[in-house]
Amino acid sequence: MKIHQLYTHSVLRNFTYLIELSDGTAICIDPWHADLVNSALLKRNLRLSAIINTHEHWDHTQGNEALVSEHSCEVWAHENGRGKIPGLTRVLVTGELIELESAAQLRVLNTPGHTFAHLCFLVIIQGQPSAVFTGDTLFNAGVGNCSNGGDAEVMYTTIVEQFHGLDDGVKVYPGHEYLENNLRFTLSMEPDNADAQQWLVRAVAADPAVQPLTTTIGDERKLNTFFRLNNPVIRASVNCSEGTDQAVFVALRSWRDKW
């Protein structure tokens, strides 16, 4: 199994993903545009068997119809995507294991917060978590907004319950390339964060179309303000020194919305 991270050059800086399987088939996650997906399939001599949509927003689903028409592939997504996600054929269930190939699976994570039709997908290799496709829930050094059908308090629960406990080595594959901007937000909250300073230098120099920078959950613990809710500097920055972790998270999300 191989994961191909395709930068779309879209105004929203989307990523589309191809999961290449050893039998010559592929699964596409969040197709921005059919042409991009078809080009990647042709380059690797792959057949598209299924589309997975992390959620219903148009920039994650707009390639569905053309790809289904051409490849007669299935479309898998959240139950709440019914009537919203083009071509939906299979509803995925929380905790479900999608068998990819020998010793490779996707575990379905129910991850409301950005929307209430959002799923993320944990890649399990040889029984061990290896990576996670996070859509618009968790970004490299940030989290998704909650202003287009979501809820910040629900997002807090999702981030804490689904991501804080993952192993440090799990790679994060988000729906958008927002790393540089998110690092700048981190440093606006925590100016002396040396890890964020170092990663910002790398992010500014990186070309996501050539080699996107990917973080791990271990990196997120150092870089992502939404993983650092007990940090006194961050708490002071959002005027929430004595608040609960949830209150700090909601305050951070509000500051990020206006930042």
Protein backbone atom coordinates (compact mmCIF):
# COMPACT_ATOMS: atom_id res chain seq x y z
CA MET A 1 0.00 0.00 0.00
CA LYS A 2 1.20 3.49 -0.88
CA ILE A 3 -0.25 6.88 0.01
CA HIS A 4 -0.01 9.63 -2.60
CA GLN A 5 -0.61 13.17 -1.31
CA LEU A 6 -1.76 15.34 -4.22
CA TYR A 7 -1.59 19.11 -3.81
CA THR A 8 -4.40 20.64 -5.86
CA HIS A 9 -3.14 24.23 -6.35
CA SER A 10 -6.67 25.31 -5.41
CA VAL A 11 -7.38 28.67 -3.81
CA LEU A 12 -8.24 26.77 -0.63
CA ARG A 13 -4.96 24.81 -0.76
CA ASN A 14 -6.72 21.42 -0.75
CA PHE A 15 -5.08 18.03 -0.65
CA THR A 16 -6.53 15.02 -2.45
CA TYR A 17 -5.20 11.56 -1.61
CA LEU A 18 -4.80 8.31 -3.48
CA ILE A 19 -4.35 5.05 -1.62
CA GLU A 20 -2.59 2.74 -4.05
CA LEU A 21 -3.13 -0.98 -3.46
CA SER A 22 -1.01 -3.87 -4.68
CA ASP A 23 -3.79 -5.26 -6.89
CA GLY A 24 -3.64 -2.19 -9.13
CA THR A 25 -6.67 -0.46 -7.66
CA ALA A 26 -6.86 2.83 -5.79
CA ILE A 27 -9.13 4.61 -3.35
CA CYS A 28 -9.40 8.39 -3.63
CA ILE A 29 -9.99 10.57 -0.59
CA ASP A 30 -11.65 13.96 -1.15
CA PRO A 31 -11.32 14.48 -4.92
CA TRP A 32 -10.90 18.18 -5.62
CA HIS A 33 -11.10 17.66 -9.38
CA ALA A 34 -11.55 14.60 -11.60
CA ASP A 35 -8.75 15.64 -13.96
CA LEU A 36 -6.20 15.69 -11.14
CA VAL A 37 -7.27 12.23 -9.97
CA ASN A 38 -7.34 10.78 -13.47
CA SER A 39 -3.86 12.11 -14.19
CA ALA A 40 -2.54 10.48 -11.01
CA LEU A 41 -4.28 7.20 -11.84
CA LEU A 42 -2.91 7.16 -15.38
CA LYS A 43 0.62 7.96 -14.22
CA ARG A 44 0.57 4.95 -11.89
CA ASN A 45 -1.57 2.64 -14.07
CA LEU A 46 -4.27 2.34 -11.39
CA ARG A 47 -8.01 1.64 -11.49
CA LEU A 48 -10.27 3.68 -9.21
CA SER A 49 -12.45 1.43 -7.06
CA ALA A 50 -13.88 3.87 -4.52
CA ILE A 51 -14.06 7.47 -3.35
CA ILE A 52 -14.06 8.35 0.34
CA ASN A 53 -15.34 11.78 1.36
CA THR A 54 -14.32 12.97 4.81
CA HIS A 55 -17.30 15.33 4.84
CA GLU A 56 -19.84 17.08 2.66
CA HIS A 57 -18.25 20.44 1.83
CA TRP A 58 -18.02 21.08 -1.91
CA ASP A 59 -14.24 21.38 -2.06
CA HIS A 60 -13.98 17.79 -0.83
CA THR A 61 -16.68 16.31 -3.06
CA GLN A 62 -16.78 18.24 -6.33
CA GLY A 63 -14.82 15.58 -8.20
CA ASN A 64 -17.27 12.83 -7.27
CA GLU A 65 -19.76 12.99 -10.12
CA ALA A 66 -17.26 12.98 -12.97
CA LEU A 67 -15.20 10.19 -11.41
CA VAL A 68 -18.27 8.03 -10.72
CA SER A 69 -19.45 8.57 -14.29
CA GLU A 70 -16.10 7.53 -15.74
CA HIS A 71 -15.07 4.75 -13.35
CA SER A 72 -18.40 3.46 -11.97
CA CYS A 73 -16.77 3.56 -8.54
CA GLU A 74 -18.46 3.57 -5.15
CA VAL A 75 -18.65 6.61 -2.86
CA TRP A 76 -18.25 6.08 0.90
CA ALA A 77 -19.02 8.66 3.59
CA HIS A 78 -20.85 9.52 6.82
CA GLU A 79 -24.53 8.72 7.24
CA ASN A 80 -25.24 12.43 7.68
CA GLY A 81 -23.87 12.98 4.18
CA ARG A 82 -27.03 11.52 2.63
CA GLY A 83 -28.45 14.06 0.20
CA LYS A 84 -25.34 16.22 0.51
CA ILE A 85 -22.52 14.07 -0.92
CA PRO A 86 -22.81 13.35 -4.66
CA GLY A 87 -23.02 9.67 -5.55
CA LEU A 88 -23.01 8.33 -1.97
CA THR A 89 -23.39 4.53 -2.12
CA ARG A 90 -22.02 3.25 1.20
CA VAL A 91 -22.49 4.66 4.68
CA LEU A 92 -19.49 4.08 6.92
CA VAL A 93 -19.99 3.18 10.57
CA THR A 94 -18.00 4.40 13.56
CA GLY A 95 -15.22 1.93 14.38
CA GLU A 96 -15.65 0.02 11.13
CA LEU A 97 -12.48 -1.54 9.72
CA ILE A 98 -12.08 -1.18 5.96
CA GLU A 99 -9.86 -3.96 4.66
CA LEU A 100 -7.43 -2.52 2.12
CA GLU A 101 -5.09 -5.45 1.60
CA SER A 102 -3.14 -7.94 3.70
CA ALA A 103 -2.23 -6.32 7.04
CA ALA A 104 -3.52 -2.87 5.94
CA GLN A 105 -6.79 -1.38 7.14
CA LEU A 106 -8.60 1.91 7.65
CA ARG A 107 -10.46 2.43 10.92
CA VAL A 108 -13.42 4.79 10.64
CA LEU A 109 -13.39 7.59 13.22
CA ASN A 110 -16.55 9.63 13.81
CA THR A 111 -15.20 13.18 14.14
CA PRO A 112 -17.92 15.84 14.41
CA GLY A 113 -17.02 19.47 15.02
CA HIS A 114 -16.15 20.96 11.65
CA THR A 115 -19.46 19.50 10.46
CA PHE A 116 -21.69 16.74 11.79
CA ALA A 117 -21.04 14.55 8.76
CA HIS A 118 -17.28 14.33 9.26
CA LEU A 119 -15.19 11.16 9.36
CA CYS A 120 -11.45 10.65 9.73
CA PHE A 121 -9.57 7.48 8.88
CA LEU A 122 -6.81 5.83 10.87
CA VAL A 123 -4.37 3.80 8.77
CA ILE A 124 -3.43 0.56 10.50
CA ILE A 125 -0.45 -1.44 9.24
CA GLN A 126 0.42 -4.79 10.81
CA GLY A 127 -2.00 -3.99 13.61
CA GLN A 128 -0.36 -0.66 14.49
CA PRO A 129 -1.64 2.88 13.80
CA SER A 130 0.57 4.43 11.12
CA ALA A 131 -1.17 7.55 9.79
CA VAL A 132 -4.49 9.35 9.90
CA PHE A 133 -6.48 11.13 7.19
CA THR A 134 -8.00 14.06 9.03
CA GLY A 135 -9.99 16.07 6.46
CA ASP A 136 -10.92 19.41 7.98
CA THR A 137 -10.82 18.25 11.61
CA LEU A 138 -7.09 18.27 12.37
CA PHE A 139 -4.61 20.24 10.28
CA ASN A 140 -0.84 20.31 10.54
CA ALA A 141 -0.42 22.67 13.54
CA GLY A 142 -4.13 23.56 13.70
CA VAL A 143 -7.74 22.41 13.68
CA GLY A 144 -10.70 23.10 11.40
CA ASN A 145 -13.12 25.96 11.79
CA CYS A 146 -16.59 25.36 13.18
CA SER A 147 -18.48 28.13 11.41
CA ASN A 148 -19.93 26.19 8.46
CA GLY A 149 -22.20 23.69 10.15
CA GLY A 150 -20.05 22.77 13.15
CA ASP A 151 -19.59 23.39 16.86
CA ALA A 152 -16.40 24.30 18.75
CA GLU A 153 -17.31 22.46 21.95
CA VAL A 154 -17.98 19.30 19.97
CA MET A 155 -14.70 19.81 18.11
CA TYR A 156 -12.90 19.97 21.46
CA THR A 157 -14.28 16.56 22.42
CA THR A 158 -13.34 15.10 19.04
CA ILE A 159 -9.76 16.39 19.14
CA VAL A 160 -9.18 15.23 22.72
CA GLU A 161 -10.85 11.83 22.38
CA GLN A 162 -9.72 10.87 18.90
CA PHE A 163 -6.28 12.47 18.46
CA HIS A 164 -4.62 13.41 21.74
CA GLY A 165 -4.16 9.75 22.62
CA LEU A 166 -2.62 8.59 19.35
CA ASP A 167 0.99 7.46 19.29
CA ASP A 168 3.61 10.12 18.59
CA GLY A 169 4.68 8.47 15.32
CA VAL A 170 1.29 8.59 13.59
CA LYS A 171 1.50 10.81 10.47
CA VAL A 172 -1.13 13.49 9.94
CA TYR A 173 -2.60 13.82 6.43
CA PRO A 174 -4.99 16.81 6.44
CA GLY A 175 -7.45 18.13 3.89
CA HIS A 176 -5.62 21.43 3.35
CA GLU A 177 -2.07 22.78 3.33
CA TYR A 178 -2.25 25.40 6.08
CA LEU A 179 1.00 24.65 7.89
CA GLU A 180 2.76 27.99 7.50
CA ASN A 181 -0.27 30.03 8.51
CA ASN A 182 -1.04 27.75 11.45
CA LEU A 183 2.53 28.02 12.70
CA ARG A 184 2.27 31.80 12.56
CA PHE A 185 -0.87 31.55 14.70
CA THR A 186 0.95 29.29 17.15
CA LEU A 187 3.70 31.87 17.47
CA SER A 188 1.17 34.66 17.96
CA MET A 189 -0.10 32.72 20.99
CA GLU A 190 3.26 31.36 22.16
CA PRO A 191 6.08 33.52 20.70
CA ASP A 192 8.91 31.57 22.34
CA ASN A 193 7.89 28.17 20.97
CA ALA A 194 11.25 27.11 19.49
CA ASP A 195 9.78 24.09 17.70
CA ALA A 196 7.25 26.26 15.90
CA GLN A 197 9.98 28.73 14.98
CA GLN A 198 12.08 25.97 13.41
CA TRP A 199 9.13 24.42 11.58
CA LEU A 200 8.12 27.83 10.22
CA VAL A 201 11.49 28.18 8.49
CA ARG A 202 10.93 24.78 6.87
CA ALA A 203 7.32 25.60 5.92
CA VAL A 204 8.24 28.87 4.23
CA ALA A 205 10.89 27.10 2.13
CA ALA A 206 8.76 24.05 1.24
CA ASP A 207 6.85 23.57 -2.01
CA PRO A 208 3.74 21.48 -1.30
CA ALA A 209 3.41 20.58 -4.98
CA VAL A 210 6.84 18.92 -4.89
CA GLN A 211 7.12 17.54 -1.36
CA PRO A 212 4.46 18.52 1.19
CA LEU A 213 5.64 18.73 4.79
CA THR A 214 3.83 16.27 7.02
CA THR A 215 3.72 16.33 10.78
CA THR A 216 3.21 13.51 13.25
CA ILE A 217 1.05 13.47 16.35
CA GLY A 218 4.28 13.93 18.31
CA ASP A 219 4.97 17.09 16.34
CA GLU A 220 1.43 18.30 16.98
CA ARG A 221 2.01 18.08 20.72
CA LYS A 222 4.82 20.62 20.24
CA LEU A 223 3.36 22.84 17.52
CA ASN A 224 -0.41 22.83 17.76
CA THR A 225 -1.98 25.22 20.25
CA PHE A 226 -5.09 23.01 20.33
CA PHE A 227 -2.94 20.21 21.77
CA ARG A 228 -1.34 22.52 24.34
CA LEU A 229 -4.34 23.60 26.37
CA ASN A 230 -2.52 23.51 29.71
CA ASN A 231 0.24 25.82 28.54
CA PRO A 232 0.14 28.96 30.75
CA VAL A 233 1.39 31.27 27.98
CA ILE A 234 -1.34 30.14 25.59
CA ARG A 235 -3.96 30.41 28.32
CA ALA A 236 -2.86 33.96 29.09
CA SER A 237 -2.88 34.85 25.40
CA VAL A 238 -6.60 34.04 25.15
CA ASN A 239 -7.43 35.55 28.56
CA CYS A 240 -8.42 32.16 29.95
CA SER A 241 -5.78 31.39 32.58
CA GLU A 242 -8.24 29.83 35.02
CA GLY A 243 -10.62 28.21 32.53
CA THR A 244 -11.22 24.57 31.76
CA ASP A 245 -9.38 22.95 28.87
CA GLN A 246 -12.61 23.10 26.87
CA ALA A 247 -12.95 26.83 27.56
CA VAL A 248 -9.36 27.39 26.41
CA PHE A 249 -10.01 25.39 23.24
CA VAL A 250 -13.17 27.34 22.40
CA ALA A 251 -11.36 30.62 23.09
CA LEU A 252 -8.48 29.56 20.83
CA ARG A 253 -10.89 28.65 18.06
CA SER A 254 -12.57 32.05 18.39
CA TRP A 255 -9.20 33.86 18.29
CA ARG A 256 -8.17 31.81 15.26
CA ASP A 257 -11.40 32.74 13.45
CA LYS A 258 -10.62 36.44 13.85
CA TRP A 259 -6.83 36.19 13.45
